[in-house]
Amino acid sequence: MIVEIPLITTLIAIVACFYASYSDLKWGIIPNKLTFPLIAIGIILNSVYAFMIGEIWIIVMCLVMTGVIFALGYIFWKMGAWAGGDVKLFTALAALLPFSPVLVSYKILGVDFPVEGAYPFPLTLIINSILSVFPFILMYVVYVVVKTKRHLIDELLSPVKEYKEKFVLTLVITSSVTITMFITQELRLQIIIISLILIYLLTMVISKMPNRVKAVVVSLVVVASLFYNFNITIYSIILLYISITILGIIRKLLFSVNKEALQDEYPLEELKEGMIPAHNLYQRDDEVYVDKKTFVNKIVEAIQTKDMSLLTTPPGKNLIANLAAGLTPDDIELLKKLHKEGKISNKFKVKRGVPFAPSIFIGLLISLFIGDMIVILQKIISWII
């Protein structure tokens, strides 16, 4: 029974995250009746385990990590990055799993799995959950587009329709790779970082050439590549073309389609507490306006204008903030008041909340059976270099 307590807390964590994911997807909430009891259960079970094996440090670790993760989550909540339910779920998981429960052990290419981080297990769980957000968001956006916003399908698939531009880019990159291979072999500088930099620079140079010159250069290089390695060149062109197209679709998902799919416009009278504003609302002098610029847009503008104050100077008094906590009743009343004064329209854009619990569930499974993704990426980069 003593040995089984870490297994029990792990199974509880998995089942709880599965239910939290279901609840978050269906109703958009992670209920307190799930997270609060989990925190208590985790502390109690780990206290029993620590007492039975005579290792008091386990309960100390449990209490410390529960407090640290709650404090960290509270900071993220104040910053608007996490909702309250996410904070409480992470806190519950820290109480249940303050250290890594070794359920499985295996080796791949001489590396022991699951790979452990140099920091406590709850931090590995948070890191893996954040990394899991990106593929989940892509899948969620596709679901929203197909189910409720089918007019965005054409924009999503536009990279497929732009096959001529994609094919030209494929041939340009193929030419750059071929030239790079020739140069590095002749100079005996077959270092992957140097090769990647050279491929990038050559791609930029060839792309900027006049169309006729570019056509001649690309044709000569590709024909030469086909002559020396016909099969490899053909397979590479096909794989590269498919990769560029897929990356184009992903780029659409992350930016333009994502923005449209995950925003809905509501009349002010239909706004509800907890809805997340799509943009910050500011007031400067007597003017009220929406700041639609992303942080990336501001960086680009600051670089172009050489005015770094654009990154730090508030564009006015912040009236409504696009935080994960969402609109308050006072915010809604303020918006109605501003509309009566003729300063804003009767419609307000809000974010379609992306449920985070499924990413936490995926992050938990990765942490338990694969390990810390940051450490794994570091190992892969070290091996490549």
Protein backbone atom coordinates (compact mmCIF):
# COMPACT_ATOMS: atom_id res chain seq x y z
CA MET A 1 0.00 0.00 0.00
CA ILE A 2 2.88 2.37 0.82
CA VAL A 3 4.47 1.97 -2.60
CA GLU A 4 1.10 2.39 -4.32
CA ILE A 5 0.40 5.92 -3.01
CA PRO A 6 2.49 7.69 -5.76
CA LEU A 7 0.67 5.51 -8.30
CA ILE A 8 -2.69 6.46 -6.77
CA THR A 9 -1.91 10.20 -6.85
CA THR A 10 -0.76 9.86 -10.47
CA LEU A 11 -3.94 8.06 -11.53
CA ILE A 12 -6.03 10.68 -9.71
CA ALA A 13 -4.12 13.43 -11.55
CA ILE A 14 -4.69 11.79 -14.95
CA VAL A 15 -8.42 11.23 -14.37
CA ALA A 16 -8.84 14.76 -12.95
CA CYS A 17 -7.09 16.37 -15.92
CA PHE A 18 -9.20 14.34 -18.32
CA TYR A 19 -12.40 15.54 -16.64
CA ALA A 20 -11.10 19.12 -16.45
CA SER A 21 -10.40 18.99 -20.20
CA TYR A 22 -13.94 17.76 -20.89
CA SER A 23 -15.42 20.46 -18.65
CA ASP A 24 -13.26 23.21 -20.18
CA LEU A 25 -14.13 22.16 -23.73
CA LYS A 26 -17.87 21.83 -23.08
CA TRP A 27 -18.61 24.63 -20.61
CA GLY A 28 -15.45 26.76 -20.64
CA ILE A 29 -14.74 26.27 -16.93
CA ILE A 30 -12.64 24.12 -14.61
CA PRO A 31 -14.96 23.71 -11.59
CA ASN A 32 -13.79 24.56 -8.07
CA LYS A 33 -15.52 21.39 -6.84
CA LEU A 34 -12.84 19.49 -8.75
CA THR A 35 -9.69 21.51 -7.99
CA PHE A 36 -10.16 22.37 -4.29
CA PRO A 37 -10.72 18.74 -3.17
CA LEU A 38 -7.73 17.68 -5.32
CA ILE A 39 -5.43 20.06 -3.44
CA ALA A 40 -6.59 18.61 -0.11
CA ILE A 41 -6.36 14.99 -1.36
CA GLY A 42 -2.84 15.56 -2.68
CA ILE A 43 -1.57 17.04 0.59
CA ILE A 44 -3.26 14.30 2.68
CA LEU A 45 -2.01 11.37 0.56
CA ASN A 46 1.55 12.72 0.39
CA SER A 47 1.47 13.33 4.17
CA VAL A 48 0.42 9.71 4.74
CA TYR A 49 3.14 8.53 2.34
CA ALA A 50 5.80 10.65 4.06
CA PHE A 51 4.74 9.39 7.52
CA MET A 52 4.66 5.71 6.50
CA ILE A 53 8.13 5.68 4.91
CA GLY A 54 9.61 8.05 7.48
CA GLU A 55 10.61 10.75 4.97
CA ILE A 56 9.28 14.05 6.26
CA TRP A 57 10.90 15.94 3.37
CA ILE A 58 8.16 14.60 1.07
CA ILE A 59 5.38 16.52 2.83
CA VAL A 60 7.65 19.57 3.10
CA MET A 61 8.28 19.35 -0.65
CA CYS A 62 4.56 18.91 -1.27
CA LEU A 63 3.61 22.00 0.74
CA VAL A 64 6.43 24.13 -0.69
CA MET A 65 5.70 23.19 -4.32
CA THR A 66 1.95 23.68 -3.84
CA GLY A 67 2.61 27.18 -2.52
CA VAL A 68 5.19 28.04 -5.17
CA ILE A 69 3.00 26.88 -8.07
CA PHE A 70 0.00 28.77 -6.68
CA ALA A 71 2.11 31.94 -6.34
CA LEU A 72 3.50 31.51 -9.88
CA GLY A 73 0.00 30.85 -11.22
CA TYR A 74 -1.34 33.92 -9.41
CA ILE A 75 1.29 36.06 -11.16
CA PHE A 76 0.27 34.62 -14.54
CA TRP A 77 -3.40 35.25 -13.64
CA LYS A 78 -2.65 38.90 -12.78
CA MET A 79 -0.81 39.23 -16.10
CA GLY A 80 -3.88 37.88 -17.89
CA ALA A 81 -2.13 34.78 -19.23
CA TRP A 82 -4.09 32.18 -17.23
CA ALA A 83 -7.64 31.92 -15.99
CA GLY A 84 -8.40 31.17 -12.35
CA GLY A 85 -9.33 27.55 -13.08
CA ASP A 86 -5.96 26.93 -14.74
CA VAL A 87 -4.12 28.27 -11.68
CA LYS A 88 -6.10 26.03 -9.32
CA LEU A 89 -5.63 22.96 -11.54
CA PHE A 90 -1.84 23.46 -11.66
CA THR A 91 -1.86 23.95 -7.87
CA ALA A 92 -3.80 20.70 -7.44
CA LEU A 93 -1.33 18.83 -9.65
CA ALA A 94 1.57 20.21 -7.61
CA ALA A 95 -0.11 18.91 -4.45
CA LEU A 96 -0.67 15.50 -6.01
CA LEU A 97 2.71 15.19 -7.79
CA PRO A 98 5.35 17.28 -6.01
CA PHE A 99 8.03 14.98 -7.43
CA SER A 100 8.29 12.79 -10.53
CA PRO A 101 6.49 9.44 -10.19
CA VAL A 102 8.47 6.92 -12.25
CA LEU A 103 5.72 4.86 -13.89
CA VAL A 104 7.77 3.61 -16.83
CA SER A 105 11.45 3.46 -17.73
CA TYR A 106 12.92 2.82 -21.17
CA LYS A 107 15.80 3.79 -23.44
CA ILE A 108 15.92 5.28 -26.94
CA LEU A 109 19.31 5.69 -28.63
CA GLY A 110 20.98 5.30 -25.26
CA VAL A 111 18.92 8.04 -23.60
CA ASP A 112 16.90 7.17 -20.49
CA PHE A 113 13.19 8.06 -20.65
CA PRO A 114 11.28 9.79 -19.20
CA VAL A 115 13.86 12.59 -19.23
CA GLU A 116 13.91 14.52 -15.96
CA GLY A 117 14.52 18.25 -15.67
CA ALA A 118 16.93 19.85 -13.22
CA TYR A 119 13.94 21.48 -11.48
CA PRO A 120 10.93 20.00 -9.61
CA PHE A 121 8.34 17.97 -11.52
CA PRO A 122 5.51 20.59 -11.29
CA LEU A 123 7.68 23.05 -13.25
CA THR A 124 8.27 20.37 -15.92
CA LEU A 125 4.50 19.94 -16.07
CA ILE A 126 3.95 23.69 -16.57
CA ILE A 127 6.63 23.89 -19.29
CA ASN A 128 5.25 20.89 -21.19
CA SER A 129 1.69 22.23 -20.89
CA ILE A 130 2.71 25.61 -22.33
CA LEU A 131 4.52 23.89 -25.21
CA SER A 132 1.42 21.76 -25.82
CA VAL A 133 -0.72 24.88 -26.23
CA PHE A 134 0.53 25.61 -29.75
CA PRO A 135 -0.45 22.35 -31.50
CA PHE A 136 -3.73 22.32 -29.54
CA ILE A 137 -4.57 25.88 -30.61
CA LEU A 138 -3.97 24.89 -34.25
CA MET A 139 -6.38 21.97 -33.92
CA TYR A 140 -8.93 24.10 -32.06
CA VAL A 141 -8.84 26.84 -34.71
CA VAL A 142 -9.42 24.26 -37.46
CA TYR A 143 -12.39 22.92 -35.45
CA VAL A 144 -13.88 26.42 -35.04
CA VAL A 145 -13.39 27.25 -38.73
CA VAL A 146 -15.00 24.03 -39.95
CA LYS A 147 -17.87 24.16 -37.45
CA THR A 148 -18.85 27.83 -37.20
CA LYS A 149 -16.79 30.01 -39.57
CA ARG A 150 -16.61 28.17 -42.84
CA HIS A 151 -16.02 31.41 -44.77
CA LEU A 152 -12.43 31.29 -43.46
CA ILE A 153 -11.70 27.96 -45.17
CA ASP A 154 -10.72 29.70 -48.43
CA GLU A 155 -8.20 31.88 -46.61
CA LEU A 156 -6.89 28.89 -44.68
CA LEU A 157 -6.31 26.93 -47.89
CA SER A 158 -4.92 29.88 -49.87
CA PRO A 159 -1.32 28.51 -49.62
CA VAL A 160 -2.52 25.46 -51.57
CA LYS A 161 -3.95 27.68 -54.30
CA GLU A 162 -0.72 29.68 -54.53
CA TYR A 163 1.03 26.65 -56.00
CA LYS A 164 3.02 28.62 -58.60
CA GLU A 165 4.71 30.86 -56.02
CA LYS A 166 5.32 27.88 -53.74
CA PHE A 167 6.89 25.87 -56.59
CA VAL A 168 9.22 28.75 -57.52
CA LEU A 169 10.27 29.10 -53.87
CA THR A 170 10.86 25.34 -53.73
CA LEU A 171 13.21 25.50 -56.73
CA VAL A 172 15.02 28.54 -55.29
CA ILE A 173 15.64 26.75 -51.97
CA THR A 174 16.68 23.59 -53.83
CA SER A 175 19.21 25.65 -55.77
CA SER A 176 20.49 27.23 -52.55
CA VAL A 177 20.90 23.82 -50.92
CA THR A 178 22.75 22.46 -53.96
CA ILE A 179 25.14 25.43 -54.08
CA THR A 180 25.70 25.21 -50.32
CA MET A 181 26.53 21.51 -50.52
CA PHE A 182 29.05 22.19 -53.28
CA ILE A 183 30.72 25.06 -51.37
CA THR A 184 30.90 23.24 -48.01
CA GLN A 185 32.30 20.10 -49.63
CA GLU A 186 34.94 22.03 -51.51
CA LEU A 187 35.95 24.04 -48.44
CA ARG A 188 35.46 21.09 -46.06
CA LEU A 189 33.25 23.19 -43.81
CA GLN A 190 30.40 20.74 -43.34
CA ILE A 191 29.03 22.37 -40.17
CA ILE A 192 25.26 22.44 -39.98
CA ILE A 193 24.94 25.99 -38.60
CA ILE A 194 27.20 27.41 -41.32
CA SER A 195 25.26 25.44 -43.94
CA LEU A 196 21.89 26.73 -42.70
CA ILE A 197 23.11 30.34 -42.68
CA LEU A 198 24.52 29.94 -46.19
CA ILE A 199 21.27 28.38 -47.46
CA TYR A 200 19.29 31.28 -46.02
CA LEU A 201 21.58 33.92 -47.51
CA LEU A 202 21.62 32.27 -50.94
CA THR A 203 17.83 31.94 -50.89
CA MET A 204 17.51 35.66 -50.16
CA VAL A 205 20.01 36.60 -52.89
CA ILE A 206 18.44 34.38 -55.57
CA SER A 207 14.91 35.53 -54.64
CA LYS A 208 15.91 39.19 -55.14
CA MET A 209 17.34 38.57 -58.63
CA PRO A 210 15.42 39.80 -61.70
CA ASN A 211 13.01 37.11 -62.88
CA ARG A 212 14.96 36.22 -66.04
CA VAL A 213 18.29 35.98 -64.21
CA LYS A 214 16.64 33.99 -61.43
CA ALA A 215 15.09 31.59 -63.96
CA VAL A 216 18.48 30.97 -65.61
CA VAL A 217 20.34 30.43 -62.30
CA VAL A 218 17.69 28.15 -60.84
CA SER A 219 17.34 26.14 -64.06
CA LEU A 220 21.09 25.55 -64.37
CA VAL A 221 21.56 24.56 -60.72
CA VAL A 222 18.48 22.30 -60.56
CA VAL A 223 19.42 20.56 -63.85
CA ALA A 224 22.91 19.97 -62.51
CA SER A 225 21.46 18.57 -59.28
CA LEU A 226 19.15 16.27 -61.25
CA PHE A 227 22.09 15.07 -63.33
CA TYR A 228 24.20 14.08 -60.31
CA ASN A 229 21.44 12.89 -57.92
CA PHE A 230 18.19 12.49 -59.84
CA ASN A 231 16.16 10.49 -57.29
CA ILE A 232 17.30 12.48 -54.25
CA THR A 233 16.63 15.79 -56.02
CA ILE A 234 13.12 14.75 -57.10
CA TYR A 235 12.22 13.46 -53.62
CA SER A 236 13.68 16.60 -52.03
CA ILE A 237 11.69 18.92 -54.30
CA ILE A 238 8.44 17.06 -53.56
CA LEU A 239 9.09 17.00 -49.79
CA LEU A 240 10.16 20.66 -49.74
CA TYR A 241 7.09 21.76 -51.72
CA ILE A 242 4.76 19.90 -49.36
CA SER A 243 6.59 21.33 -46.31
CA ILE A 244 6.37 24.91 -47.60
CA THR A 245 2.65 24.51 -48.28
CA ILE A 246 1.99 23.05 -44.83
CA LEU A 247 4.01 25.84 -43.19
CA GLY A 248 1.94 28.37 -45.14
CA ILE A 249 -1.27 26.84 -43.78
CA ILE A 250 0.15 26.83 -40.23
CA ARG A 251 1.13 30.48 -40.63
CA LYS A 252 -2.44 31.29 -41.64
CA LEU A 253 -3.71 29.36 -38.62
CA LEU A 254 -1.43 31.24 -36.26
CA PHE A 255 -2.16 34.72 -37.56
CA SER A 256 -4.97 35.90 -39.85
CA VAL A 257 -7.31 32.89 -39.55
CA ASN A 258 -6.57 32.53 -35.85
CA LYS A 259 -7.48 36.17 -35.28
CA GLU A 260 -10.81 35.92 -37.10
CA ALA A 261 -11.76 32.48 -35.83
CA LEU A 262 -11.14 33.24 -32.17
CA GLN A 263 -12.95 36.59 -32.04
CA ASP A 264 -16.69 37.25 -31.93
CA GLU A 265 -18.52 40.57 -32.00
CA TYR A 266 -21.37 41.12 -29.53
CA PRO A 267 -23.84 43.96 -28.98
CA LEU A 268 -23.07 45.66 -25.65
CA GLU A 269 -26.36 44.46 -24.13
CA GLU A 270 -25.32 40.83 -24.78
CA LEU A 271 -21.93 41.08 -23.05
CA LYS A 272 -21.52 38.88 -20.00
CA GLU A 273 -19.16 38.86 -17.07
CA GLY A 274 -16.01 36.84 -17.78
CA MET A 275 -15.97 37.45 -21.55
CA ILE A 276 -12.40 38.29 -22.59
CA PRO A 277 -11.93 41.52 -24.62
CA ALA A 278 -10.19 40.99 -27.95
CA HIS A 279 -8.20 44.22 -27.56
CA ASN A 280 -7.26 46.80 -24.96
CA LEU A 281 -9.45 49.90 -24.85
CA TYR A 282 -7.62 53.18 -24.17
CA GLN A 283 -8.49 56.81 -23.61
CA ARG A 284 -6.16 59.62 -24.64
CA ASP A 285 -7.34 63.15 -24.01
CA ASP A 286 -11.04 62.83 -24.81
CA GLU A 287 -10.65 60.14 -27.47
CA VAL A 288 -11.46 56.48 -26.79
CA TYR A 289 -9.91 53.92 -29.12
CA VAL A 290 -9.06 50.23 -29.45
CA ASP A 291 -5.40 49.24 -29.62
CA LYS A 292 -5.30 46.42 -32.19
CA LYS A 293 -1.52 46.31 -32.47
CA THR A 294 0.11 43.11 -31.27
CA PHE A 295 3.42 43.16 -29.42
CA VAL A 296 5.11 41.91 -32.60
CA ASN A 297 3.58 44.81 -34.57
CA LYS A 298 4.92 47.23 -31.97
CA ILE A 299 8.42 45.74 -32.19
CA VAL A 300 8.41 46.08 -36.01
CA GLU A 301 7.13 49.66 -35.77
CA ALA A 302 9.74 50.53 -33.11
CA ILE A 303 12.54 49.16 -35.30
CA GLN A 304 11.26 50.97 -38.41
CA THR A 305 10.85 54.32 -36.63
CA LYS A 306 13.86 53.76 -34.33
CA ASP A 307 11.62 54.80 -31.45
CA MET A 308 11.96 52.18 -28.70
CA SER A 309 9.56 54.12 -26.48
CA LEU A 310 6.73 52.58 -28.51
CA LEU A 311 7.38 49.36 -26.59
CA THR A 312 7.13 50.90 -23.12
CA THR A 313 5.06 54.08 -23.32
CA PRO A 314 1.36 53.45 -22.58
CA PRO A 315 -0.81 54.66 -25.48
CA GLY A 316 -3.20 56.27 -23.00
CA LYS A 317 -5.28 55.43 -19.96
CA ASN A 318 -6.25 51.76 -20.03
CA LEU A 319 -10.04 51.55 -19.68
CA ILE A 320 -10.59 47.88 -20.54
CA ALA A 321 -7.78 45.29 -20.47
CA ASN A 322 -7.80 42.04 -22.45
CA LEU A 323 -6.93 39.88 -19.44
CA ALA A 324 -7.87 36.22 -19.01
CA ALA A 325 -10.03 37.15 -16.00
CA GLY A 326 -12.45 38.76 -18.48
CA LEU A 327 -14.96 41.59 -18.24
CA THR A 328 -16.32 42.65 -14.87
CA PRO A 329 -19.81 44.12 -14.35
CA ASP A 330 -18.14 47.54 -13.95
CA ASP A 331 -16.38 47.08 -17.32
CA ILE A 332 -19.69 46.33 -19.04
CA GLU A 333 -21.35 49.37 -17.47
CA LEU A 334 -18.39 51.54 -18.55
CA LEU A 335 -18.72 50.30 -22.15
CA LYS A 336 -22.46 51.12 -22.16
CA LYS A 337 -21.71 54.57 -20.74
CA LEU A 338 -19.07 55.23 -23.42
CA HIS A 339 -21.56 54.18 -26.09
CA LYS A 340 -24.19 56.59 -24.76
CA GLU A 341 -21.58 59.34 -24.93
CA GLY A 342 -20.97 58.43 -28.59
CA LYS A 343 -17.34 57.43 -28.03
CA ILE A 344 -17.65 53.76 -29.07
CA SER A 345 -20.03 51.72 -31.22
CA ASN A 346 -22.72 49.41 -29.87
CA LYS A 347 -20.64 46.32 -30.67
CA PHE A 348 -17.60 45.00 -28.88
CA LYS A 349 -15.19 42.24 -29.91
CA VAL A 350 -14.37 39.48 -27.44
CA LYS A 351 -12.04 36.53 -27.64
CA ARG A 352 -13.40 33.05 -28.07
CA GLY A 353 -11.70 31.47 -25.07
CA VAL A 354 -9.27 28.70 -25.95
CA PRO A 355 -9.56 25.99 -23.28
CA PHE A 356 -6.21 25.43 -21.57
CA ALA A 357 -7.11 22.28 -19.60
CA PRO A 358 -6.59 19.95 -22.61
CA SER A 359 -3.05 21.32 -22.97
CA ILE A 360 -2.47 20.68 -19.26
CA PHE A 361 -3.71 17.11 -19.76
CA ILE A 362 -1.38 16.62 -22.76
CA GLY A 363 1.48 18.23 -20.79
CA LEU A 364 0.86 15.83 -17.90
CA LEU A 365 1.00 12.75 -20.15
CA ILE A 366 4.18 14.01 -21.84
CA SER A 367 5.77 14.71 -18.44
CA LEU A 368 4.91 11.25 -17.13
CA PHE A 369 5.86 9.13 -20.13
CA ILE A 370 8.36 11.18 -22.18
CA GLY A 371 9.84 13.77 -19.83
CA ASP A 372 10.88 17.40 -19.85
CA MET A 373 10.63 18.71 -23.43
CA ILE A 374 13.11 21.54 -22.84
CA VAL A 375 15.79 19.08 -21.74
CA ILE A 376 14.96 16.82 -24.70
CA LEU A 377 15.26 19.76 -27.14
CA GLN A 378 18.59 20.70 -25.57
CA LYS A 379 19.85 17.15 -26.10
CA ILE A 380 18.68 17.18 -29.74
CA ILE A 381 20.36 20.54 -30.43
CA SER A 382 23.58 19.37 -28.76
CA TRP A 383 23.54 16.21 -30.88
CA ILE A 384 22.96 18.22 -34.09
CA ILE A 385 25.74 20.71 -33.31
